[in-house]
Amino acid sequence: MGMMGADSAVGPEAPSTEPFEAAVTFEEFFRGSSERVFRALWLVTGNRAEAEEITQDAFLAAWERWDRVSGMENPTGYVFRTAMNLFHKRYRRARLAARKILRPALRVDEFEAAEDREVVRATLATLTPRQRAAIVMTDLLSFSSEEAGQVLGIRAGTVRSLVAQGRQTFRGALEGDDA
């Protein structure tokens, strides 16, 4: 990184709003601004290596467009904005990568899922209409026994009894498939 002047502050400074001399070369601009940009990014990122890398990338972007950037009123502001955009882009990518690593996509066996649906459908068909209604309301739609009883016009205890009978039928069907 470039050297800062003896009268500069220790912490990062806001970009100067004074007009920039257009005759300054990129090298002079880099030497005069890089330390401030680096220090600001170090505070933002909390990581020296990342701050150095982002600072370099931001100044590279300025160098690639130096013919336009040198004519700006505040080229240092352009570099600060570019650096912050780079930081946010990296942060979003890291967050997305962490999400993918921490929550890997589960592979679903479509044939097994279709087979399971068919077993459920076939077993539901063997239940009495009241057992089927009680199972669907409580197990598939997550109604409480009381709520299902109100909808079906029966007591909550009857719903629980019908669900127990239906589940017993399901267990028998599943055990028969495993044999």
N, C-alpha and C. Protein backbone atom coordinates (compact mmCIF):
# COMPACT_ATOMS: atom_id res chain seq x y z
N MET A 1 0.84 -1.17 0.00
CA MET A 1 0.00 0.00 0.00
C MET A 1 0.88 1.23 0.00
N GLY A 2 0.38 2.33 -0.49
CA GLY A 2 1.14 3.58 -0.58
C GLY A 2 1.32 4.22 0.78
N MET A 3 2.23 5.16 0.84
CA MET A 3 2.52 5.87 2.09
C MET A 3 1.56 7.03 2.23
N MET A 4 1.15 7.30 3.47
CA MET A 4 0.28 8.43 3.75
C MET A 4 1.15 9.61 4.14
N GLY A 5 0.62 10.79 3.98
CA GLY A 5 1.35 11.99 4.37
C GLY A 5 1.48 12.05 5.88
N ALA A 6 2.44 12.83 6.38
CA ALA A 6 2.70 12.92 7.81
C ALA A 6 1.56 13.58 8.55
N ASP A 7 0.76 14.42 7.89
CA ASP A 7 -0.32 15.12 8.56
C ASP A 7 -1.65 14.38 8.49
N SER A 8 -1.67 13.17 7.96
CA SER A 8 -2.93 12.44 7.84
C SER A 8 -3.29 11.78 9.16
N ALA A 9 -4.58 11.56 9.35
CA ALA A 9 -5.07 10.95 10.58
C ALA A 9 -4.82 9.45 10.56
N VAL A 10 -4.89 8.83 11.74
CA VAL A 10 -4.66 7.39 11.85
C VAL A 10 -5.82 6.61 11.27
N GLY A 11 -7.04 7.02 11.52
CA GLY A 11 -8.22 6.32 11.04
C GLY A 11 -8.58 6.71 9.63
N PRO A 12 -9.60 6.03 9.06
CA PRO A 12 -10.02 6.36 7.70
C PRO A 12 -10.69 7.72 7.67
N GLU A 13 -10.52 8.39 6.58
CA GLU A 13 -11.14 9.69 6.40
C GLU A 13 -12.20 9.59 5.33
N ALA A 14 -13.14 10.49 5.38
CA ALA A 14 -14.15 10.54 4.32
C ALA A 14 -13.47 11.02 3.06
N PRO A 15 -13.96 10.61 1.91
CA PRO A 15 -13.37 11.08 0.66
C PRO A 15 -13.43 12.58 0.59
N SER A 16 -12.40 13.16 0.07
CA SER A 16 -12.35 14.62 -0.07
C SER A 16 -13.38 15.08 -1.08
N THR A 17 -13.98 16.22 -0.81
CA THR A 17 -14.96 16.77 -1.77
C THR A 17 -14.32 17.86 -2.61
N GLU A 18 -13.03 18.13 -2.38
CA GLU A 18 -12.34 19.13 -3.18
C GLU A 18 -12.10 18.57 -4.58
N PRO A 19 -12.19 19.42 -5.60
CA PRO A 19 -11.94 18.95 -6.97
C PRO A 19 -10.54 18.33 -7.07
N PHE A 20 -10.43 17.29 -7.87
CA PHE A 20 -9.19 16.55 -8.03
C PHE A 20 -8.43 17.12 -9.22
N GLU A 21 -7.13 17.18 -9.08
CA GLU A 21 -6.32 17.69 -10.18
C GLU A 21 -6.29 16.66 -11.30
N ALA A 22 -6.75 17.04 -12.47
CA ALA A 22 -6.83 16.11 -13.60
C ALA A 22 -5.46 15.68 -14.12
N ALA A 23 -4.41 16.46 -13.83
CA ALA A 23 -3.09 16.16 -14.36
C ALA A 23 -2.37 15.09 -13.54
N VAL A 24 -2.97 14.64 -12.45
CA VAL A 24 -2.34 13.63 -11.60
C VAL A 24 -2.34 12.29 -12.32
N THR A 25 -1.22 11.58 -12.24
CA THR A 25 -1.16 10.25 -12.86
C THR A 25 -1.85 9.26 -11.93
N PHE A 26 -2.15 8.09 -12.47
CA PHE A 26 -2.78 7.07 -11.64
C PHE A 26 -1.87 6.68 -10.49
N GLU A 27 -0.57 6.57 -10.75
CA GLU A 27 0.37 6.18 -9.70
C GLU A 27 0.35 7.18 -8.56
N GLU A 28 0.32 8.48 -8.87
CA GLU A 28 0.26 9.51 -7.83
C GLU A 28 -1.07 9.41 -7.07
N PHE A 29 -2.13 9.19 -7.80
CA PHE A 29 -3.44 9.04 -7.17
C PHE A 29 -3.45 7.84 -6.22
N PHE A 30 -2.89 6.73 -6.69
CA PHE A 30 -2.84 5.52 -5.87
C PHE A 30 -2.05 5.77 -4.59
N ARG A 31 -0.86 6.38 -4.73
CA ARG A 31 -0.02 6.64 -3.54
C ARG A 31 -0.74 7.56 -2.56
N GLY A 32 -1.51 8.50 -3.05
CA GLY A 32 -2.17 9.46 -2.18
C GLY A 32 -3.48 8.96 -1.57
N SER A 33 -4.10 7.93 -2.13
CA SER A 33 -5.43 7.52 -1.68
C SER A 33 -5.51 6.09 -1.15
N SER A 34 -4.60 5.25 -1.53
CA SER A 34 -4.75 3.82 -1.23
C SER A 34 -4.77 3.51 0.26
N GLU A 35 -3.96 4.20 1.05
CA GLU A 35 -3.91 3.90 2.48
C GLU A 35 -5.24 4.21 3.15
N ARG A 36 -5.86 5.32 2.79
CA ARG A 36 -7.17 5.68 3.37
C ARG A 36 -8.23 4.66 3.00
N VAL A 37 -8.26 4.25 1.74
CA VAL A 37 -9.25 3.27 1.29
C VAL A 37 -9.01 1.94 2.01
N PHE A 38 -7.75 1.54 2.10
CA PHE A 38 -7.42 0.28 2.78
C PHE A 38 -7.87 0.31 4.24
N ARG A 39 -7.56 1.38 4.96
CA ARG A 39 -7.93 1.46 6.38
C ARG A 39 -9.44 1.42 6.57
N ALA A 40 -10.15 2.11 5.71
CA ALA A 40 -11.61 2.09 5.81
C ALA A 40 -12.14 0.68 5.58
N LEU A 41 -11.61 -0.01 4.60
CA LEU A 41 -12.05 -1.38 4.32
C LEU A 41 -11.65 -2.35 5.42
N TRP A 42 -10.52 -2.10 6.04
CA TRP A 42 -10.09 -2.96 7.14
C TRP A 42 -11.09 -2.85 8.28
N LEU A 43 -11.57 -1.64 8.53
CA LEU A 43 -12.59 -1.47 9.56
C LEU A 43 -13.90 -2.14 9.16
N VAL A 44 -14.25 -2.04 7.91
CA VAL A 44 -15.52 -2.62 7.43
C VAL A 44 -15.46 -4.14 7.46
N THR A 45 -14.38 -4.71 6.94
CA THR A 45 -14.30 -6.17 6.82
C THR A 45 -13.83 -6.86 8.09
N GLY A 46 -13.01 -6.17 8.87
CA GLY A 46 -12.44 -6.80 10.05
C GLY A 46 -11.34 -7.78 9.71
N ASN A 47 -10.89 -7.78 8.46
CA ASN A 47 -9.90 -8.75 8.01
C ASN A 47 -8.90 -8.03 7.10
N ARG A 48 -7.65 -8.00 7.53
CA ARG A 48 -6.62 -7.26 6.79
C ARG A 48 -6.43 -7.78 5.36
N ALA A 49 -6.36 -9.09 5.21
CA ALA A 49 -6.12 -9.67 3.88
C ALA A 49 -7.28 -9.36 2.94
N GLU A 50 -8.50 -9.48 3.45
CA GLU A 50 -9.66 -9.18 2.61
C GLU A 50 -9.69 -7.70 2.24
N ALA A 51 -9.34 -6.84 3.20
CA ALA A 51 -9.32 -5.41 2.93
C ALA A 51 -8.28 -5.08 1.86
N GLU A 52 -7.11 -5.71 1.94
CA GLU A 52 -6.08 -5.48 0.92
C GLU A 52 -6.56 -5.92 -0.46
N GLU A 53 -7.18 -7.09 -0.50
CA GLU A 53 -7.64 -7.62 -1.78
C GLU A 53 -8.72 -6.74 -2.41
N ILE A 54 -9.68 -6.32 -1.59
CA ILE A 54 -10.76 -5.46 -2.12
C ILE A 54 -10.18 -4.11 -2.55
N THR A 55 -9.25 -3.57 -1.78
CA THR A 55 -8.62 -2.30 -2.14
C THR A 55 -7.92 -2.42 -3.48
N GLN A 56 -7.18 -3.50 -3.66
CA GLN A 56 -6.49 -3.72 -4.93
C GLN A 56 -7.48 -3.84 -6.08
N ASP A 57 -8.56 -4.58 -5.87
CA ASP A 57 -9.57 -4.74 -6.93
C ASP A 57 -10.24 -3.41 -7.26
N ALA A 58 -10.51 -2.59 -6.25
CA ALA A 58 -11.15 -1.30 -6.49
C ALA A 58 -10.22 -0.37 -7.26
N PHE A 59 -8.94 -0.35 -6.88
CA PHE A 59 -7.99 0.49 -7.61
C PHE A 59 -7.74 -0.05 -9.02
N LEU A 60 -7.80 -1.36 -9.18
CA LEU A 60 -7.67 -1.93 -10.53
C LEU A 60 -8.82 -1.45 -11.41
N ALA A 61 -10.03 -1.43 -10.85
CA ALA A 61 -11.19 -0.94 -11.61
C ALA A 61 -11.00 0.53 -11.97
N ALA A 62 -10.46 1.31 -11.06
CA ALA A 62 -10.20 2.73 -11.35
C ALA A 62 -9.12 2.87 -12.41
N TRP A 63 -8.08 2.06 -12.34
CA TRP A 63 -7.00 2.12 -13.32
C TRP A 63 -7.52 1.77 -14.72
N GLU A 64 -8.38 0.73 -14.79
CA GLU A 64 -8.94 0.32 -16.09
C GLU A 64 -9.77 1.43 -16.73
N ARG A 65 -10.33 2.31 -15.91
CA ARG A 65 -11.19 3.40 -16.40
C ARG A 65 -10.57 4.77 -16.09
N TRP A 66 -9.25 4.82 -15.95
CA TRP A 66 -8.59 6.03 -15.49
C TRP A 66 -8.87 7.23 -16.39
N ASP A 67 -9.05 6.98 -17.67
CA ASP A 67 -9.35 8.11 -18.57
C ASP A 67 -10.65 8.81 -18.15
N ARG A 68 -11.63 8.07 -17.65
CA ARG A 68 -12.89 8.68 -17.16
C ARG A 68 -12.79 9.07 -15.70
N VAL A 69 -12.20 8.20 -14.88
CA VAL A 69 -12.13 8.43 -13.43
C VAL A 69 -11.29 9.66 -13.12
N SER A 70 -10.19 9.87 -13.83
CA SER A 70 -9.31 11.01 -13.54
C SER A 70 -10.03 12.33 -13.78
N GLY A 71 -11.03 12.33 -14.62
CA GLY A 71 -11.78 13.55 -14.89
C GLY A 71 -12.93 13.79 -13.92
N MET A 72 -13.16 12.85 -13.04
CA MET A 72 -14.25 13.01 -12.07
C MET A 72 -13.88 14.05 -11.03
N GLU A 73 -14.91 14.63 -10.42
CA GLU A 73 -14.69 15.61 -9.36
C GLU A 73 -14.02 14.96 -8.15
N ASN A 74 -14.36 13.69 -7.88
CA ASN A 74 -13.83 13.01 -6.71
C ASN A 74 -13.49 11.55 -7.05
N PRO A 75 -12.34 11.29 -7.65
CA PRO A 75 -11.97 9.91 -7.99
C PRO A 75 -11.84 9.01 -6.76
N THR A 76 -11.43 9.56 -5.62
CA THR A 76 -11.32 8.75 -4.41
C THR A 76 -12.69 8.24 -4.00
N GLY A 77 -13.71 9.07 -4.15
CA GLY A 77 -15.07 8.64 -3.85
C GLY A 77 -15.50 7.49 -4.75
N TYR A 78 -15.08 7.54 -6.01
CA TYR A 78 -15.37 6.45 -6.94
C TYR A 78 -14.74 5.16 -6.45
N VAL A 79 -13.49 5.24 -5.99
CA VAL A 79 -12.80 4.04 -5.50
C VAL A 79 -13.47 3.52 -4.23
N PHE A 80 -13.84 4.44 -3.32
CA PHE A 80 -14.56 3.99 -2.11
C PHE A 80 -15.85 3.28 -2.48
N ARG A 81 -16.63 3.85 -3.38
CA ARG A 81 -17.90 3.25 -3.79
C ARG A 81 -17.67 1.90 -4.46
N THR A 82 -16.68 1.82 -5.32
CA THR A 82 -16.35 0.56 -5.98
C THR A 82 -15.94 -0.49 -4.95
N ALA A 83 -15.12 -0.09 -3.99
CA ALA A 83 -14.67 -1.02 -2.96
C ALA A 83 -15.85 -1.53 -2.13
N MET A 84 -16.75 -0.65 -1.76
CA MET A 84 -17.91 -1.08 -0.97
C MET A 84 -18.81 -2.01 -1.79
N ASN A 85 -18.97 -1.74 -3.06
CA ASN A 85 -19.75 -2.63 -3.92
C ASN A 85 -19.10 -4.01 -3.99
N LEU A 86 -17.78 -4.03 -4.11
CA LEU A 86 -17.06 -5.31 -4.13
C LEU A 86 -17.24 -6.05 -2.82
N PHE A 87 -17.16 -5.34 -1.70
CA PHE A 87 -17.34 -5.96 -0.39
C PHE A 87 -18.74 -6.57 -0.29
N HIS A 88 -19.76 -5.81 -0.67
CA HIS A 88 -21.14 -6.32 -0.58
C HIS A 88 -21.34 -7.53 -1.49
N LYS A 89 -20.73 -7.50 -2.66
CA LYS A 89 -20.84 -8.63 -3.59
C LYS A 89 -20.21 -9.88 -2.99
N ARG A 90 -19.03 -9.74 -2.38
CA ARG A 90 -18.37 -10.87 -1.73
C ARG A 90 -19.19 -11.39 -0.56
N TYR A 91 -19.75 -10.47 0.21
CA TYR A 91 -20.54 -10.84 1.38
C TYR A 91 -21.76 -11.66 0.95
N ARG A 92 -22.46 -11.20 -0.10
CA ARG A 92 -23.63 -11.94 -0.59
C ARG A 92 -23.22 -13.32 -1.08
N ARG A 93 -22.13 -13.41 -1.82
CA ARG A 93 -21.67 -14.71 -2.33
C ARG A 93 -21.30 -15.65 -1.19
N ALA A 94 -20.62 -15.13 -0.18
CA ALA A 94 -20.23 -15.96 0.96
C ALA A 94 -21.45 -16.45 1.71
N ARG A 95 -22.44 -15.58 1.86
CA ARG A 95 -23.67 -15.97 2.56
C ARG A 95 -24.40 -17.06 1.77
N LEU A 96 -24.47 -16.91 0.46
CA LEU A 96 -25.12 -17.91 -0.38
C LEU A 96 -24.37 -19.24 -0.32
N ALA A 97 -23.06 -19.20 -0.38
CA ALA A 97 -22.26 -20.43 -0.31
C ALA A 97 -22.44 -21.11 1.04
N ALA A 98 -22.47 -20.33 2.10
CA ALA A 98 -22.67 -20.91 3.43
C ALA A 98 -24.04 -21.58 3.53
N ARG A 99 -25.04 -20.94 2.95
CA ARG A 99 -26.39 -21.53 2.96
C ARG A 99 -26.40 -22.87 2.23
N LYS A 100 -25.70 -22.93 1.11
CA LYS A 100 -25.67 -24.18 0.33
C LYS A 100 -24.91 -25.27 1.08
N ILE A 101 -23.85 -24.90 1.77
CA ILE A 101 -23.05 -25.88 2.50
C ILE A 101 -23.80 -26.36 3.73
N LEU A 102 -24.42 -25.44 4.44
CA LEU A 102 -25.10 -25.80 5.68
C LEU A 102 -26.42 -26.51 5.44
N ARG A 103 -27.04 -26.27 4.31
CA ARG A 103 -28.32 -26.89 3.99
C ARG A 103 -28.23 -27.54 2.61
N PRO A 104 -27.51 -28.65 2.52
CA PRO A 104 -27.39 -29.27 1.20
C PRO A 104 -28.76 -29.77 0.71
N ALA A 105 -28.94 -29.69 -0.56
CA ALA A 105 -30.20 -30.14 -1.14
C ALA A 105 -30.35 -31.65 -0.95
N LEU A 106 -31.49 -32.04 -0.46
CA LEU A 106 -31.75 -33.46 -0.25
C LEU A 106 -32.18 -34.08 -1.58
N ARG A 107 -31.63 -35.23 -1.86
CA ARG A 107 -32.01 -35.92 -3.09
C ARG A 107 -33.29 -36.69 -2.81
N VAL A 108 -34.26 -36.50 -3.66
CA VAL A 108 -35.54 -37.17 -3.51
C VAL A 108 -35.64 -38.24 -4.59
N ASP A 109 -35.94 -39.43 -4.14
CA ASP A 109 -36.15 -40.53 -5.07
C ASP A 109 -37.60 -40.43 -5.53
N GLU A 110 -37.81 -39.94 -6.74
CA GLU A 110 -39.17 -39.71 -7.26
C GLU A 110 -39.97 -41.01 -7.35
N PHE A 111 -39.31 -42.12 -7.69
CA PHE A 111 -40.02 -43.39 -7.79
C PHE A 111 -40.50 -43.86 -6.41
N GLU A 112 -39.64 -43.70 -5.41
CA GLU A 112 -40.02 -44.08 -4.05
C GLU A 112 -41.14 -43.19 -3.55
N ALA A 113 -41.07 -41.90 -3.83
CA ALA A 113 -42.13 -40.98 -3.40
C ALA A 113 -43.45 -41.33 -4.06
N ALA A 114 -43.42 -41.67 -5.34
CA ALA A 114 -44.65 -42.06 -6.04
C ALA A 114 -45.20 -43.36 -5.48
N GLU A 115 -44.31 -44.28 -5.16
CA GLU A 115 -44.74 -45.55 -4.57
C GLU A 115 -45.37 -45.31 -3.20
N ASP A 116 -44.75 -44.44 -2.40
CA ASP A 116 -45.30 -44.11 -1.07
C ASP A 116 -46.68 -43.47 -1.20
N ARG A 117 -46.84 -42.57 -2.17
CA ARG A 117 -48.16 -41.95 -2.38
C ARG A 117 -49.20 -42.99 -2.76
N GLU A 118 -48.79 -43.94 -3.57
CA GLU A 118 -49.73 -44.99 -3.99
C GLU A 118 -50.13 -45.87 -2.81
N VAL A 119 -49.18 -46.19 -1.93
CA VAL A 119 -49.48 -46.99 -0.74
C VAL A 119 -50.47 -46.23 0.14
N VAL A 120 -50.22 -44.93 0.36
CA VAL A 120 -51.12 -44.12 1.18
C VAL A 120 -52.51 -44.06 0.54
N ARG A 121 -52.56 -43.82 -0.77
CA ARG A 121 -53.85 -43.74 -1.46
C ARG A 121 -54.62 -45.06 -1.35
N ALA A 122 -53.92 -46.16 -1.60
CA ALA A 122 -54.56 -47.48 -1.55
C ALA A 122 -55.02 -47.81 -0.13
N THR A 123 -54.21 -47.49 0.86
CA THR A 123 -54.58 -47.78 2.24
C THR A 123 -55.74 -46.89 2.68
N LEU A 124 -55.71 -45.63 2.30
CA LEU A 124 -56.84 -44.75 2.64
C LEU A 124 -58.14 -45.28 2.04
N ALA A 125 -58.05 -45.88 0.86
CA ALA A 125 -59.25 -46.42 0.21
C ALA A 125 -59.84 -47.59 0.98
N THR A 126 -59.03 -48.29 1.77
CA THR A 126 -59.54 -49.44 2.54
C THR A 126 -60.21 -49.01 3.84
N LEU A 127 -60.01 -47.77 4.26
CA LEU A 127 -60.61 -47.29 5.51
C LEU A 127 -62.08 -46.95 5.30
N THR A 128 -62.81 -46.93 6.41
CA THR A 128 -64.20 -46.47 6.32
C THR A 128 -64.16 -44.98 6.04
N PRO A 129 -65.22 -44.42 5.48
CA PRO A 129 -65.23 -42.98 5.21
C PRO A 129 -64.97 -42.13 6.46
N ARG A 130 -65.48 -42.55 7.62
CA ARG A 130 -65.26 -41.78 8.85
C ARG A 130 -63.80 -41.87 9.30
N GLN A 131 -63.19 -43.05 9.19
CA GLN A 131 -61.77 -43.19 9.55
C GLN A 131 -60.90 -42.35 8.61
N ARG A 132 -61.22 -42.44 7.32
CA ARG A 132 -60.47 -41.68 6.32
C ARG A 132 -60.57 -40.19 6.61
N ALA A 133 -61.76 -39.69 6.90
CA ALA A 133 -61.96 -38.27 7.19
C ALA A 133 -61.18 -37.87 8.44
N ALA A 134 -61.22 -38.70 9.48
CA ALA A 134 -60.53 -38.39 10.73
C ALA A 134 -59.01 -38.36 10.52
N ILE A 135 -58.48 -39.31 9.78
CA ILE A 135 -57.03 -39.36 9.50
C ILE A 135 -56.61 -38.15 8.67
N VAL A 136 -57.35 -37.85 7.62
CA VAL A 136 -57.00 -36.72 6.76
C VAL A 136 -57.04 -35.42 7.55
N MET A 137 -58.10 -35.23 8.35
CA MET A 137 -58.23 -33.99 9.11
C MET A 137 -57.11 -33.81 10.14
N THR A 138 -56.79 -34.87 10.87
CA THR A 138 -55.81 -34.74 11.95
C THR A 138 -54.36 -34.91 11.48
N ASP A 139 -54.08 -35.92 10.68
CA ASP A 139 -52.69 -36.20 10.30
C ASP A 139 -52.21 -35.40 9.10
N LEU A 140 -53.07 -35.21 8.12
CA LEU A 140 -52.64 -34.50 6.91
C LEU A 140 -52.91 -33.01 6.96
N LEU A 141 -54.02 -32.61 7.59
CA LEU A 141 -54.36 -31.19 7.65
C LEU A 141 -54.03 -30.56 9.01
N SER A 142 -53.53 -31.35 9.94
CA SER A 142 -53.08 -30.89 11.26
C SER A 142 -54.16 -30.23 12.11
N PHE A 143 -55.40 -30.69 11.98
CA PHE A 143 -56.46 -30.23 12.87
C PHE A 143 -56.33 -30.97 14.19
N SER A 144 -56.72 -30.33 15.29
CA SER A 144 -56.78 -31.03 16.57
C SER A 144 -58.01 -31.95 16.54
N SER A 145 -58.08 -32.88 17.49
CA SER A 145 -59.25 -33.77 17.56
C SER A 145 -60.53 -32.97 17.76
N GLU A 146 -60.44 -31.92 18.57
CA GLU A 146 -61.61 -31.08 18.82
C GLU A 146 -62.06 -30.37 17.55
N GLU A 147 -61.10 -29.79 16.81
CA GLU A 147 -61.44 -29.08 15.57
C GLU A 147 -62.01 -30.05 14.54
N ALA A 148 -61.38 -31.21 14.38
CA ALA A 148 -61.87 -32.21 13.43
C ALA A 148 -63.26 -32.67 13.83
N GLY A 149 -63.50 -32.86 15.12
CA GLY A 149 -64.82 -33.27 15.60
C GLY A 149 -65.88 -32.24 15.26
N GLN A 150 -65.56 -30.96 15.41
CA GLN A 150 -66.52 -29.91 15.08
C GLN A 150 -66.85 -29.93 13.58
N VAL A 151 -65.83 -30.09 12.76
CA VAL A 151 -66.05 -30.10 11.31
C VAL A 151 -66.86 -31.33 10.90
N LEU A 152 -66.55 -32.49 11.51
CA LEU A 152 -67.21 -33.74 11.14
C LEU A 152 -68.54 -33.95 11.87
N GLY A 153 -68.80 -33.12 12.87
CA GLY A 153 -70.05 -33.25 13.62
C GLY A 153 -70.05 -34.42 14.59
N ILE A 154 -68.88 -34.77 15.12
CA ILE A 154 -68.76 -35.86 16.09
C ILE A 154 -67.92 -35.39 17.27
N ARG A 155 -67.90 -36.17 18.33
CA ARG A 155 -67.11 -35.81 19.51
C ARG A 155 -65.62 -36.01 19.25
N ALA A 156 -64.78 -35.25 20.01
CA ALA A 156 -63.33 -35.35 19.88
C ALA A 156 -62.85 -36.76 20.21
N GLY A 157 -63.47 -37.40 21.20
CA GLY A 157 -63.09 -38.77 21.56
C GLY A 157 -63.34 -39.74 20.42
N THR A 158 -64.42 -39.52 19.69
CA THR A 158 -64.73 -40.37 18.54
C THR A 158 -63.68 -40.17 17.45
N VAL A 159 -63.26 -38.92 17.25
CA VAL A 159 -62.21 -38.65 16.25
C VAL A 159 -60.94 -39.40 16.63
N ARG A 160 -60.53 -39.32 17.89
CA ARG A 160 -59.32 -40.01 18.34
C ARG A 160 -59.45 -41.52 18.14
N SER A 161 -60.61 -42.07 18.41
CA SER A 161 -60.85 -43.50 18.23
C SER A 161 -60.75 -43.89 16.75
N LEU A 162 -61.38 -43.08 15.88
CA LEU A 162 -61.33 -43.35 14.44
C LEU A 162 -59.90 -43.26 13.91
N VAL A 163 -59.15 -42.28 14.40
CA VAL A 163 -57.75 -42.12 13.98
C VAL A 163 -56.93 -43.33 14.42
N ALA A 164 -57.12 -43.79 15.65
CA ALA A 164 -56.39 -44.95 16.15
C ALA A 164 -56.70 -46.18 15.30
N GLN A 165 -57.98 -46.39 14.97
CA GLN A 165 -58.35 -47.54 14.14
C GLN A 165 -57.73 -47.42 12.74
N GLY A 166 -57.76 -46.22 12.18
CA GLY A 166 -57.18 -46.00 10.85
C GLY A 166 -55.69 -46.23 10.84
N ARG A 167 -55.01 -45.76 11.88
CA ARG A 167 -53.56 -45.96 11.97
C ARG A 167 -53.21 -47.44 12.10
N GLN A 168 -54.03 -48.18 12.81
CA GLN A 168 -53.81 -49.62 12.94
C GLN A 168 -53.90 -50.28 11.57
N THR A 169 -54.87 -49.87 10.76
CA THR A 169 -55.01 -50.39 9.41
C THR A 169 -53.77 -50.03 8.57
N PHE A 170 -53.29 -48.78 8.73
CA PHE A 170 -52.08 -48.35 8.01
C PHE A 170 -50.89 -49.22 8.40
N ARG A 171 -50.71 -49.45 9.70
CA ARG A 171 -49.59 -50.27 10.15
C ARG A 171 -49.65 -51.66 9.54
N GLY A 172 -50.85 -52.23 9.51
CA GLY A 172 -51.02 -53.57 8.93
C GLY A 172 -50.66 -53.56 7.44
N ALA A 173 -51.06 -52.51 6.74
CA ALA A 173 -50.75 -52.42 5.31
C ALA A 173 -49.25 -52.26 5.08
N LEU A 174 -48.59 -51.45 5.92
CA LEU A 174 -47.15 -51.25 5.76
C LEU A 174 -46.38 -52.50 6.13
N GLU A 175 -46.80 -53.20 7.16
CA GLU A 175 -46.13 -54.45 7.54
C GLU A 175 -46.30 -55.50 6.47
N GLY A 176 -47.47 -55.50 5.82
CA GLY A 176 -47.74 -56.45 4.73
C GLY A 176 -46.83 -56.17 3.54
N ASP A 177 -46.49 -54.87 3.27
CA ASP A 177 -45.58 -54.51 2.17
C ASP A 177 -44.15 -54.95 2.45
N ASP A 178 -43.76 -54.91 3.73
CA ASP A 178 -42.38 -55.26 4.08
C ASP A 178 -42.14 -56.75 4.04
N ALA A 179 -43.20 -57.54 4.15
CA ALA A 179 -43.04 -59.00 4.20
C ALA A 179 -42.64 -59.59 2.89
